[in-house]
Amino acid sequence: MDDKNRDFEITPKLVFDLNLALYLDLVAALEGAGAVTYRQMAARVLNISMDARGDGDTGLSTVLEGIARGFAGHGDGMSIELLKAARGLREDEAMGDIPMRPDES
């Protein structure tokens, strides 16, 4: 190992930041390909955030809600408040959050 890499410390924050950056790039690629919308990702991340808050993990919940807000701000710009209110509906396709399977014909 050379000298300039010897002092490079892999911290939990660095790992989280890199994972998040890769995840956001993946979502952008999937959205560009038409496989998923930013609103769908906002709803999914918001669900995880709300579950984390329910479990008492306020810090994680706050971070995830911020990510969900970022996703919701793209495309049609649906509000987080509306996504929160519609949480129970997202178990079906009422809000369009579950992508349709491609036709296999």
PDB file of N, CA and C in Angstrom:
ATOM      1  N   MET A   1       0.858  -1.166   0.000  1.00  0.00           N
ATOM      2  CA  MET A   1       0.000   0.000   0.000  1.00  0.00           C
ATOM      3  C   MET A   1       0.910   1.236   0.000  1.00  0.00           C
ATOM      4  N   ASP A   2       0.610   2.200  -0.854  1.00  0.00           N
ATOM      5  CA  ASP A   2       1.445   3.396  -0.883  1.00  0.00           C
ATOM      6  C   ASP A   2       1.026   4.378   0.218  1.00  0.00           C
ATOM      7  N   ASP A   3       1.882   5.383   0.439  1.00  0.00           N
ATOM      8  CA  ASP A   3       1.691   6.312   1.558  1.00  0.00           C
ATOM      9  C   ASP A   3       0.393   7.102   1.495  1.00  0.00           C
ATOM     10  N   LYS A   4      -0.045   7.501   0.308  1.00  0.00           N
ATOM     11  CA  LYS A   4      -1.233   8.354   0.241  1.00  0.00           C
ATOM     12  C   LYS A   4      -2.515   7.591   0.583  1.00  0.00           C
ATOM     13  N   ASN A   5      -2.555   6.277   0.459  1.00  0.00           N
ATOM     14  CA  ASN A   5      -3.748   5.502   0.799  1.00  0.00           C
ATOM     15  C   ASN A   5      -3.716   4.962   2.225  1.00  0.00           C
ATOM     16  N   ARG A   6      -2.583   5.041   2.872  1.00  0.00           N
ATOM     17  CA  ARG A   6      -2.439   4.492   4.215  1.00  0.00           C
ATOM     18  C   ARG A   6      -3.318   5.228   5.225  1.00  0.00           C
ATOM     19  N   ASP A   7      -3.500   6.539   5.053  1.00  0.00           N
ATOM     20  CA  ASP A   7      -4.286   7.338   5.990  1.00  0.00           C
ATOM     21  C   ASP A   7      -5.765   7.400   5.637  1.00  0.00           C
ATOM     22  N   PHE A   8      -6.149   6.727   4.594  1.00  0.00           N
ATOM     23  CA  PHE A   8      -7.551   6.731   4.174  1.00  0.00           C
ATOM     24  C   PHE A   8      -8.337   5.794   5.084  1.00  0.00           C
ATOM     25  N   GLU A   9      -9.272   6.383   5.831  1.00  0.00           N
ATOM     26  CA  GLU A   9     -10.036   5.596   6.792  1.00  0.00           C
ATOM     27  C   GLU A   9     -11.467   5.398   6.277  1.00  0.00           C
ATOM     28  N   ILE A  10     -11.885   4.159   6.254  1.00  0.00           N
ATOM     29  CA  ILE A  10     -13.253   3.851   5.854  1.00  0.00           C
ATOM     30  C   ILE A  10     -14.122   3.916   7.100  1.00  0.00           C
ATOM     31  N   THR A  11     -14.985   4.913   7.128  1.00  0.00           N
ATOM     32  CA  THR A  11     -15.855   5.125   8.283  1.00  0.00           C
ATOM     33  C   THR A  11     -17.286   4.717   7.920  1.00  0.00           C
ATOM     34  N   PRO A  12     -18.125   4.469   8.906  1.00  0.00           N
ATOM     35  CA  PRO A  12     -19.528   4.168   8.594  1.00  0.00           C
ATOM     36  C   PRO A  12     -20.205   5.283   7.801  1.00  0.00           C
ATOM     37  N   LYS A  13     -19.859   6.546   8.091  1.00  0.00           N
ATOM     38  CA  LYS A  13     -20.450   7.663   7.348  1.00  0.00           C
ATOM     39  C   LYS A  13     -20.022   7.627   5.887  1.00  0.00           C
ATOM     40  N   LEU A  14     -18.753   7.336   5.624  1.00  0.00           N
ATOM     41  CA  LEU A  14     -18.268   7.248   4.249  1.00  0.00           C
ATOM     42  C   LEU A  14     -18.975   6.120   3.504  1.00  0.00           C
ATOM     43  N   VAL A  15     -19.111   4.977   4.149  1.00  0.00           N
ATOM     44  CA  VAL A  15     -19.797   3.840   3.524  1.00  0.00           C
ATOM     45  C   VAL A  15     -21.244   4.208   3.211  1.00  0.00           C
ATOM     46  N   PHE A  16     -21.930   4.845   4.162  1.00  0.00           N
ATOM     47  CA  PHE A  16     -23.313   5.271   3.938  1.00  0.00           C
ATOM     48  C   PHE A  16     -23.392   6.254   2.776  1.00  0.00           C
ATOM     49  N   ASP A  17     -22.511   7.252   2.764  1.00  0.00           N
ATOM     50  CA  ASP A  17     -22.531   8.257   1.699  1.00  0.00           C
ATOM     51  C   ASP A  17     -22.284   7.639   0.334  1.00  0.00           C
ATOM     52  N   LEU A  18     -21.341   6.717   0.246  1.00  0.00           N
ATOM     53  CA  LEU A  18     -21.054   6.071  -1.037  1.00  0.00           C
ATOM     54  C   LEU A  18     -22.213   5.184  -1.480  1.00  0.00           C
ATOM     55  N   ASN A  19     -22.792   4.442  -0.539  1.00  0.00           N
ATOM     56  CA  ASN A  19     -23.955   3.617  -0.881  1.00  0.00           C
ATOM     57  C   ASN A  19     -25.113   4.482  -1.361  1.00  0.00           C
ATOM     58  N   LEU A  20     -25.338   5.597  -0.686  1.00  0.00           N
ATOM     59  CA  LEU A  20     -26.414   6.495  -1.072  1.00  0.00           C
ATOM     60  C   LEU A  20     -26.166   7.071  -2.466  1.00  0.00           C
ATOM     61  N   ALA A  21     -24.951   7.485  -2.735  1.00  0.00           N
ATOM     62  CA  ALA A  21     -24.621   8.044  -4.048  1.00  0.00           C
ATOM     63  C   ALA A  21     -24.858   7.009  -5.150  1.00  0.00           C
ATOM     64  N   LEU A  22     -24.435   5.781  -4.915  1.00  0.00           N
ATOM     65  CA  LEU A  22     -24.651   4.724  -5.906  1.00  0.00           C
ATOM     66  C   LEU A  22     -26.132   4.431  -6.082  1.00  0.00           C
ATOM     67  N   TYR A  23     -26.877   4.426  -4.977  1.00  0.00           N
ATOM     68  CA  TYR A  23     -28.310   4.172  -5.028  1.00  0.00           C
ATOM     69  C   TYR A  23     -29.017   5.258  -5.827  1.00  0.00           C
ATOM     70  N   LEU A  24     -28.657   6.512  -5.576  1.00  0.00           N
ATOM     71  CA  LEU A  24     -29.291   7.614  -6.290  1.00  0.00           C
ATOM     72  C   LEU A  24     -28.974   7.551  -7.782  1.00  0.00           C
ATOM     73  N   ASP A  25     -27.753   7.171  -8.128  1.00  0.00           N
ATOM     74  CA  ASP A  25     -27.398   6.998  -9.539  1.00  0.00           C
ATOM     75  C   ASP A  25     -28.196   5.866 -10.170  1.00  0.00           C
ATOM     76  N   LEU A  26     -28.383   4.782  -9.430  1.00  0.00           N
ATOM     77  CA  LEU A  26     -29.165   3.657  -9.929  1.00  0.00           C
ATOM     78  C   LEU A  26     -30.614   4.082 -10.167  1.00  0.00           C
ATOM     79  N   VAL A  27     -31.186   4.805  -9.236  1.00  0.00           N
ATOM     80  CA  VAL A  27     -32.572   5.268  -9.403  1.00  0.00           C
ATOM     81  C   VAL A  27     -32.675   6.175 -10.624  1.00  0.00           C
ATOM     82  N   ALA A  28     -31.706   7.058 -10.822  1.00  0.00           N
ATOM     83  CA  ALA A  28     -31.725   7.943 -11.990  1.00  0.00           C
ATOM     84  C   ALA A  28     -31.665   7.133 -13.282  1.00  0.00           C
ATOM     85  N   ALA A  29     -30.853   6.085 -13.305  1.00  0.00           N
ATOM     86  CA  ALA A  29     -30.763   5.228 -14.494  1.00  0.00           C
ATOM     87  C   ALA A  29     -32.069   4.480 -14.723  1.00  0.00           C
ATOM     88  N   LEU A  30     -32.658   3.948 -13.660  1.00  0.00           N
ATOM     89  CA  LEU A  30     -33.932   3.228 -13.791  1.00  0.00           C
ATOM     90  C   LEU A  30     -35.053   4.151 -14.241  1.00  0.00           C
ATOM     91  N   GLU A  31     -35.052   5.384 -13.729  1.00  0.00           N
ATOM     92  CA  GLU A  31     -36.064   6.351 -14.131  1.00  0.00           C
ATOM     93  C   GLU A  31     -35.879   6.714 -15.598  1.00  0.00           C
ATOM     94  N   GLY A  32     -34.634   6.893 -16.006  1.00  0.00           N
ATOM     95  CA  GLY A  32     -34.353   7.211 -17.401  1.00  0.00           C
ATOM     96  C   GLY A  32     -34.773   6.108 -18.356  1.00  0.00           C
ATOM     97  N   ALA A  33     -34.708   4.866 -17.887  1.00  0.00           N
ATOM     98  CA  ALA A  33     -35.101   3.724 -18.709  1.00  0.00           C
ATOM     99  C   ALA A  33     -36.605   3.464 -18.648  1.00  0.00           C
ATOM    100  N   GLY A  34     -37.310   4.208 -17.802  1.00  0.00           N
ATOM    101  CA  GLY A  34     -38.747   4.035 -17.689  1.00  0.00           C
ATOM    102  C   GLY A  34     -39.168   2.870 -16.806  1.00  0.00           C
ATOM    103  N   ALA A  35     -38.230   2.319 -16.027  1.00  0.00           N
ATOM    104  CA  ALA A  35     -38.546   1.170 -15.172  1.00  0.00           C
ATOM    105  C   ALA A  35     -39.217   1.579 -13.877  1.00  0.00           C
ATOM    106  N   VAL A  36     -38.941   2.776 -13.403  1.00  0.00           N
ATOM    107  CA  VAL A  36     -39.493   3.263 -12.139  1.00  0.00           C
ATOM    108  C   VAL A  36     -39.533   4.783 -12.219  1.00  0.00           C
ATOM    109  N   THR A  37     -40.452   5.389 -11.506  1.00  0.00           N
ATOM    110  CA  THR A  37     -40.515   6.853 -11.496  1.00  0.00           C
ATOM    111  C   THR A  37     -39.953   7.373 -10.179  1.00  0.00           C
ATOM    112  N   TYR A  38     -39.587   8.631 -10.192  1.00  0.00           N
ATOM    113  CA  TYR A  38     -39.099   9.248  -8.957  1.00  0.00           C
ATOM    114  C   TYR A  38     -40.188   9.230  -7.886  1.00  0.00           C
ATOM    115  N   ARG A  39     -41.445   9.399  -8.283  1.00  0.00           N
ATOM    116  CA  ARG A  39     -42.535   9.374  -7.322  1.00  0.00           C
ATOM    117  C   ARG A  39     -42.665   7.997  -6.684  1.00  0.00           C
ATOM    118  N   GLN A  40     -42.479   6.958  -7.470  1.00  0.00           N
ATOM    119  CA  GLN A  40     -42.515   5.608  -6.911  1.00  0.00           C
ATOM    120  C   GLN A  40     -41.394   5.411  -5.894  1.00  0.00           C
ATOM    121  N   MET A  41     -40.221   5.908  -6.220  1.00  0.00           N
ATOM    122  CA  MET A  41     -39.099   5.769  -5.288  1.00  0.00           C
ATOM    123  C   MET A  41     -39.334   6.620  -4.051  1.00  0.00           C
ATOM    124  N   ALA A  42     -39.914   7.804  -4.228  1.00  0.00           N
ATOM    125  CA  ALA A  42     -40.232   8.649  -3.069  1.00  0.00           C
ATOM    126  C   ALA A  42     -41.175   7.905  -2.133  1.00  0.00           C
ATOM    127  N   ALA A  43     -42.188   7.262  -2.684  1.00  0.00           N
ATOM    128  CA  ALA A  43     -43.152   6.533  -1.864  1.00  0.00           C
ATOM    129  C   ALA A  43     -42.484   5.375  -1.130  1.00  0.00           C
ATOM    130  N   ARG A  44     -41.607   4.662  -1.811  1.00  0.00           N
ATOM    131  CA  ARG A  44     -40.946   3.519  -1.177  1.00  0.00           C
ATOM    132  C   ARG A  44     -40.010   3.969  -0.057  1.00  0.00           C
ATOM    133  N   VAL A  45     -39.206   4.995  -0.319  1.00  0.00           N
ATOM    134  CA  VAL A  45     -38.284   5.487   0.704  1.00  0.00           C
ATOM    135  C   VAL A  45     -39.061   6.099   1.861  1.00  0.00           C
ATOM    136  N   LEU A  46     -40.157   6.786   1.554  1.00  0.00           N
ATOM    137  CA  LEU A  46     -40.978   7.371   2.606  1.00  0.00           C
ATOM    138  C   LEU A  46     -41.588   6.284   3.494  1.00  0.00           C
ATOM    139  N   ASN A  47     -42.007   5.175   2.908  1.00  0.00           N
ATOM    140  CA  ASN A  47     -42.522   4.059   3.711  1.00  0.00           C
ATOM    141  C   ASN A  47     -41.473   3.579   4.705  1.00  0.00           C
ATOM    142  N   ILE A  48     -40.248   3.429   4.244  1.00  0.00           N
ATOM    143  CA  ILE A  48     -39.165   2.983   5.125  1.00  0.00           C
ATOM    144  C   ILE A  48     -38.930   4.025   6.216  1.00  0.00           C
ATOM    145  N   SER A  49     -38.976   5.306   5.831  1.00  0.00           N
ATOM    146  CA  SER A  49     -38.796   6.390   6.796  1.00  0.00           C
ATOM    147  C   SER A  49     -39.867   6.348   7.877  1.00  0.00           C
ATOM    148  N   MET A  50     -41.099   6.167   7.466  1.00  0.00           N
ATOM    149  CA  MET A  50     -42.198   6.148   8.423  1.00  0.00           C
ATOM    150  C   MET A  50     -42.118   4.923   9.330  1.00  0.00           C
ATOM    151  N   ASP A  51     -41.664   3.800   8.783  1.00  0.00           N
ATOM    152  CA  ASP A  51     -41.459   2.602   9.610  1.00  0.00           C
ATOM    153  C   ASP A  51     -40.347   2.843  10.632  1.00  0.00           C
ATOM    154  N   ALA A  52     -39.266   3.498  10.187  1.00  0.00           N
ATOM    155  CA  ALA A  52     -38.150   3.796  11.093  1.00  0.00           C
ATOM    156  C   ALA A  52     -38.610   4.727  12.220  1.00  0.00           C
ATOM    157  N   ARG A  53     -39.415   5.716  11.876  1.00  0.00           N
ATOM    158  CA  ARG A  53     -39.931   6.629  12.904  1.00  0.00           C
ATOM    159  C   ARG A  53     -40.817   5.863  13.877  1.00  0.00           C
ATOM    160  N   GLY A  54     -41.634   4.967  13.363  1.00  0.00           N
ATOM    161  CA  GLY A  54     -42.475   4.141  14.216  1.00  0.00           C
ATOM    162  C   GLY A  54     -41.678   3.243  15.146  1.00  0.00           C
ATOM    163  N   ASP A  55     -40.486   2.846  14.697  1.00  0.00           N
ATOM    164  CA  ASP A  55     -39.593   2.017  15.510  1.00  0.00           C
ATOM    165  C   ASP A  55     -38.740   2.847  16.463  1.00  0.00           C
ATOM    166  N   GLY A  56     -38.900   4.177  16.425  1.00  0.00           N
ATOM    167  CA  GLY A  56     -38.157   5.042  17.327  1.00  0.00           C
ATOM    168  C   GLY A  56     -36.822   5.529  16.800  1.00  0.00           C
ATOM    169  N   ASP A  57     -36.498   5.234  15.536  1.00  0.00           N
ATOM    170  CA  ASP A  57     -35.225   5.668  14.955  1.00  0.00           C
ATOM    171  C   ASP A  57     -35.439   6.981  14.206  1.00  0.00           C
ATOM    172  N   THR A  58     -35.514   8.067  14.971  1.00  0.00           N
ATOM    173  CA  THR A  58     -35.830   9.375  14.405  1.00  0.00           C
ATOM    174  C   THR A  58     -34.748   9.867  13.454  1.00  0.00           C
ATOM    175  N   GLY A  59     -33.484   9.624  13.772  1.00  0.00           N
ATOM    176  CA  GLY A  59     -32.388  10.084  12.912  1.00  0.00           C
ATOM    177  C   GLY A  59     -32.466   9.471  11.526  1.00  0.00           C
ATOM    178  N   LEU A  60     -32.605   8.163  11.459  1.00  0.00           N
ATOM    179  CA  LEU A  60     -32.716   7.475  10.170  1.00  0.00           C
ATOM    180  C   LEU A  60     -33.973   7.931   9.436  1.00  0.00           C
ATOM    181  N   SER A  61     -35.061   8.072  10.170  1.00  0.00           N
ATOM    182  CA  SER A  61     -36.313   8.506   9.564  1.00  0.00           C
ATOM    183  C   SER A  61     -36.166   9.879   8.917  1.00  0.00           C
ATOM    184  N   THR A  62     -35.498  10.792   9.599  1.00  0.00           N
ATOM    185  CA  THR A  62     -35.310  12.145   9.075  1.00  0.00           C
ATOM    186  C   THR A  62     -34.468  12.134   7.807  1.00  0.00           C
ATOM    187  N   VAL A  63     -33.398  11.351   7.811  1.00  0.00           N
ATOM    188  CA  VAL A  63     -32.539  11.253   6.623  1.00  0.00           C
ATOM    189  C   VAL A  63     -33.317  10.682   5.448  1.00  0.00           C
ATOM    190  N   LEU A  64     -34.048   9.601   5.687  1.00  0.00           N
ATOM    191  CA  LEU A  64     -34.798   8.955   4.608  1.00  0.00           C
ATOM    192  C   LEU A  64     -35.924   9.850   4.091  1.00  0.00           C
ATOM    193  N   GLU A  65     -36.566  10.604   4.986  1.00  0.00           N
ATOM    194  CA  GLU A  65     -37.601  11.522   4.516  1.00  0.00           C
ATOM    195  C   GLU A  65     -36.993  12.608   3.630  1.00  0.00           C
ATOM    196  N   GLY A  66     -35.794  13.054   3.960  1.00  0.00           N
ATOM    197  CA  GLY A  66     -35.110  14.027   3.104  1.00  0.00           C
ATOM    198  C   GLY A  66     -34.838  13.469   1.721  1.00  0.00           C
ATOM    199  N   ILE A  67     -34.432  12.210   1.659  1.00  0.00           N
ATOM    200  CA  ILE A  67     -34.197  11.552   0.364  1.00  0.00           C
ATOM    201  C   ILE A  67     -35.516  11.432  -0.398  1.00  0.00           C
ATOM    202  N   ALA A  68     -36.571  11.038   0.317  1.00  0.00           N
ATOM    203  CA  ALA A  68     -37.887  10.915  -0.318  1.00  0.00           C
ATOM    204  C   ALA A  68     -38.346  12.267  -0.872  1.00  0.00           C
ATOM    205  N   ARG A  69     -38.099  13.344  -0.112  1.00  0.00           N
ATOM    206  CA  ARG A  69     -38.464  14.686  -0.595  1.00  0.00           C
ATOM    207  C   ARG A  69     -37.716  15.014  -1.884  1.00  0.00           C
ATOM    208  N   GLY A  70     -36.459  14.623  -1.948  1.00  0.00           N
ATOM    209  CA  GLY A  70     -35.684  14.855  -3.167  1.00  0.00           C
ATOM    210  C   GLY A  70     -36.263  14.111  -4.356  1.00  0.00           C
ATOM    211  N   PHE A  71     -36.636  12.847  -4.148  1.00  0.00           N
ATOM    212  CA  PHE A  71     -37.257  12.080  -5.226  1.00  0.00           C
ATOM    213  C   PHE A  71     -38.596  12.688  -5.624  1.00  0.00           C
ATOM    214  N   ALA A  72     -39.385  13.077  -4.640  1.00  0.00           N
ATOM    215  CA  ALA A  72     -40.719  13.622  -4.922  1.00  0.00           C
ATOM    216  C   ALA A  72     -40.628  14.938  -5.688  1.00  0.00           C
ATOM    217  N   GLY A  73     -39.537  15.666  -5.529  1.00  0.00           N
ATOM    218  CA  GLY A  73     -39.368  16.941  -6.226  1.00  0.00           C
ATOM    219  C   GLY A  73     -39.066  16.803  -7.706  1.00  0.00           C
ATOM    220  N   HIS A  74     -38.716  15.607  -8.148  1.00  0.00           N
ATOM    221  CA  HIS A  74     -38.459  15.366  -9.571  1.00  0.00           C
ATOM    222  C   HIS A  74     -39.764  15.011 -10.270  1.00  0.00           C
ATOM    223  N   GLY A  75     -39.757  15.137 -11.576  1.00  0.00           N
ATOM    224  CA  GLY A  75     -40.901  14.689 -12.354  1.00  0.00           C
ATOM    225  C   GLY A  75     -42.153  15.480 -12.062  1.00  0.00           C
ATOM    226  N   ASP A  76     -43.205  14.802 -11.602  1.00  0.00           N
ATOM    227  CA  ASP A  76     -44.487  15.475 -11.391  1.00  0.00           C
ATOM    228  C   ASP A  76     -44.549  16.245 -10.081  1.00  0.00           C
ATOM    229  N   GLY A  77     -43.519  16.143  -9.242  1.00  0.00           N
ATOM    230  CA  GLY A  77     -43.427  16.964  -8.045  1.00  0.00           C
ATOM    231  C   GLY A  77     -44.505  16.722  -6.999  1.00  0.00           C
ATOM    232  N   MET A  78     -44.888  15.483  -6.796  1.00  0.00           N
ATOM    233  CA  MET A  78     -45.909  15.161  -5.796  1.00  0.00           C
ATOM    234  C   MET A  78     -45.382  15.503  -4.401  1.00  0.00           C
ATOM    235  N   SER A  79     -46.260  15.993  -3.541  1.00  0.00           N
ATOM    236  CA  SER A  79     -45.825  16.412  -2.213  1.00  0.00           C
ATOM    237  C   SER A  79     -45.655  15.225  -1.270  1.00  0.00           C
ATOM    238  N   ILE A  80     -44.727  15.368  -0.347  1.00  0.00           N
ATOM    239  CA  ILE A  80     -44.495  14.350   0.671  1.00  0.00           C
ATOM    240  C   ILE A  80     -45.731  14.195   1.549  1.00  0.00           C
ATOM    241  N   GLU A  81     -46.404  15.293   1.828  1.00  0.00           N
ATOM    242  CA  GLU A  81     -47.587  15.221   2.675  1.00  0.00           C
ATOM    243  C   GLU A  81     -48.661  14.348   2.040  1.00  0.00           C
ATOM    244  N   LEU A  82     -48.846  14.474   0.723  1.00  0.00           N
ATOM    245  CA  LEU A  82     -49.813  13.631   0.026  1.00  0.00           C
ATOM    246  C   LEU A  82     -49.370  12.171   0.050  1.00  0.00           C
ATOM    247  N   LEU A  83     -48.073  11.936  -0.131  1.00  0.00           N
ATOM    248  CA  LEU A  83     -47.567  10.563  -0.077  1.00  0.00           C
ATOM    249  C   LEU A  83     -47.752   9.962   1.312  1.00  0.00           C
ATOM    250  N   LYS A  84     -47.560  10.789   2.358  1.00  0.00           N
ATOM    251  CA  LYS A  84     -47.781  10.302   3.723  1.00  0.00           C
ATOM    252  C   LYS A  84     -49.248   9.949   3.937  1.00  0.00           C
ATOM    253  N   ALA A  85     -50.135  10.823   3.476  1.00  0.00           N
ATOM    254  CA  ALA A  85     -51.564  10.590   3.656  1.00  0.00           C
ATOM    255  C   ALA A  85     -52.034   9.353   2.897  1.00  0.00           C
ATOM    256  N   ALA A  86     -51.388   9.055   1.790  1.00  0.00           N
ATOM    257  CA  ALA A  86     -51.803   7.927   0.950  1.00  0.00           C
ATOM    258  C   ALA A  86     -51.041   6.651   1.267  1.00  0.00           C
ATOM    259  N   ARG A  87     -50.348   6.613   2.372  1.00  0.00           N
ATOM    260  CA  ARG A  87     -49.504   5.457   2.692  1.00  0.00           C
ATOM    261  C   ARG A  87     -50.285   4.148   2.635  1.00  0.00           C
ATOM    262  N   GLY A  88     -51.469   4.099   3.198  1.00  0.00           N
ATOM    263  CA  GLY A  88     -52.255   2.872   3.203  1.00  0.00           C
ATOM    264  C   GLY A  88     -52.696   2.448   1.814  1.00  0.00           C
ATOM    265  N   LEU A  89     -52.840   3.398   0.914  1.00  0.00           N
ATOM    266  CA  LEU A  89     -53.256   3.073  -0.447  1.00  0.00           C
ATOM    267  C   LEU A  89     -52.143   2.450  -1.267  1.00  0.00           C
ATOM    268  N   ARG A  90     -50.914   2.656  -0.841  1.00  0.00           N
ATOM    269  CA  ARG A  90     -49.793   2.195  -1.652  1.00  0.00           C
ATOM    270  C   ARG A  90     -49.626   0.683  -1.647  1.00  0.00           C
ATOM    271  N   GLU A  91     -50.440  -0.012  -0.896  1.00  0.00           N
ATOM    272  CA  GLU A  91     -50.370  -1.459  -0.931  1.00  0.00           C
ATOM    273  C   GLU A  91     -50.985  -1.995  -2.217  1.00  0.00           C
ATOM    274  N   ASP A  92     -51.719  -1.158  -2.917  1.00  0.00           N
ATOM    275  CA  ASP A  92     -52.243  -1.562  -4.216  1.00  0.00           C
ATOM    276  C   ASP A  92     -51.750  -0.564  -5.258  1.00  0.00           C
ATOM    277  N   GLU A  93     -52.363  -0.559  -6.411  1.00  0.00           N
ATOM    278  CA  GLU A  93     -51.890   0.306  -7.482  1.00  0.00           C
ATOM    279  C   GLU A  93     -52.632   1.638  -7.527  1.00  0.00           C
ATOM    280  N   ALA A  94     -53.343   1.989  -6.456  1.00  0.00           N
ATOM    281  CA  ALA A  94     -54.152   3.206  -6.454  1.00  0.00           C
ATOM    282  C   ALA A  94     -53.330   4.452  -6.735  1.00  0.00           C
ATOM    283  N   MET A  95     -52.118   4.516  -6.208  1.00  0.00           N
ATOM    284  CA  MET A  95     -51.273   5.679  -6.452  1.00  0.00           C
ATOM    285  C   MET A  95     -50.262   5.425  -7.560  1.00  0.00           C
ATOM    286  N   GLY A  96     -50.321   4.263  -8.187  1.00  0.00           N
ATOM    287  CA  GLY A  96     -49.394   3.943  -9.259  1.00  0.00           C
ATOM    288  C   GLY A  96     -47.991   3.665  -8.770  1.00  0.00           C
ATOM    289  N   ASP A  97     -47.842   3.292  -7.518  1.00  0.00           N
ATOM    290  CA  ASP A  97     -46.514   3.104  -6.964  1.00  0.00           C
ATOM    291  C   ASP A  97     -45.945   1.717  -7.223  1.00  0.00           C
ATOM    292  N   ILE A  98     -46.793   0.798  -7.632  1.00  0.00           N
ATOM    293  CA  ILE A  98     -46.303  -0.536  -7.948  1.00  0.00           C
ATOM    294  C   ILE A  98     -46.242  -0.631  -9.467  1.00  0.00           C
ATOM    295  N   PRO A  99     -45.049  -0.754 -10.024  1.00  0.00           N
ATOM    296  CA  PRO A  99     -44.959  -0.785 -11.487  1.00  0.00           C
ATOM    297  C   PRO A  99     -45.718  -1.981 -12.056  1.00  0.00           C
ATOM    298  N   MET A 100     -46.310  -1.778 -13.186  1.00  0.00           N
ATOM    299  CA  MET A 100     -47.013  -2.858 -13.876  1.00  0.00           C
ATOM    300  C   MET A 100     -46.002  -3.814 -14.482  1.00  0.00           C
ATOM    301  N   ARG A 101     -46.330  -5.095 -14.458  1.00  0.00           N
ATOM    302  CA  ARG A 101     -45.464  -6.072 -15.104  1.00  0.00           C
ATOM    303  C   ARG A 101     -45.526  -5.860 -16.607  1.00  0.00           C
ATOM    304  N   PRO A 102     -44.405  -6.065 -17.289  1.00  0.00           N
ATOM    305  CA  PRO A 102     -44.433  -5.937 -18.743  1.00  0.00           C
ATOM    306  C   PRO A 102     -45.266  -7.064 -19.350  1.00  0.00           C
ATOM    307  N   ASP A 103     -45.880  -6.773 -20.471  1.00  0.00           N
ATOM    308  CA  ASP A 103     -46.630  -7.800 -21.179  1.00  0.00           C
ATOM    309  C   ASP A 103     -45.669  -8.896 -21.637  1.00  0.00           C
ATOM    310  N   GLU A 104     -46.073 -10.117 -21.438  1.00  0.00           N
ATOM    311  CA  GLU A 104     -45.206 -11.223 -21.833  1.00  0.00           C
ATOM    312  C   GLU A 104     -45.648 -11.827 -23.149  1.00  0.00           C
ATOM    313  N   SER A 105     -46.414 -11.074 -23.903  1.00  0.00           N
ATOM    314  CA  SER A 105     -46.894 -11.612 -25.174  1.00  0.00           C
ATOM    315  C   SER A 105     -45.911 -11.405 -26.291  1.00  0.00           C
TER     316      SER A 105
END
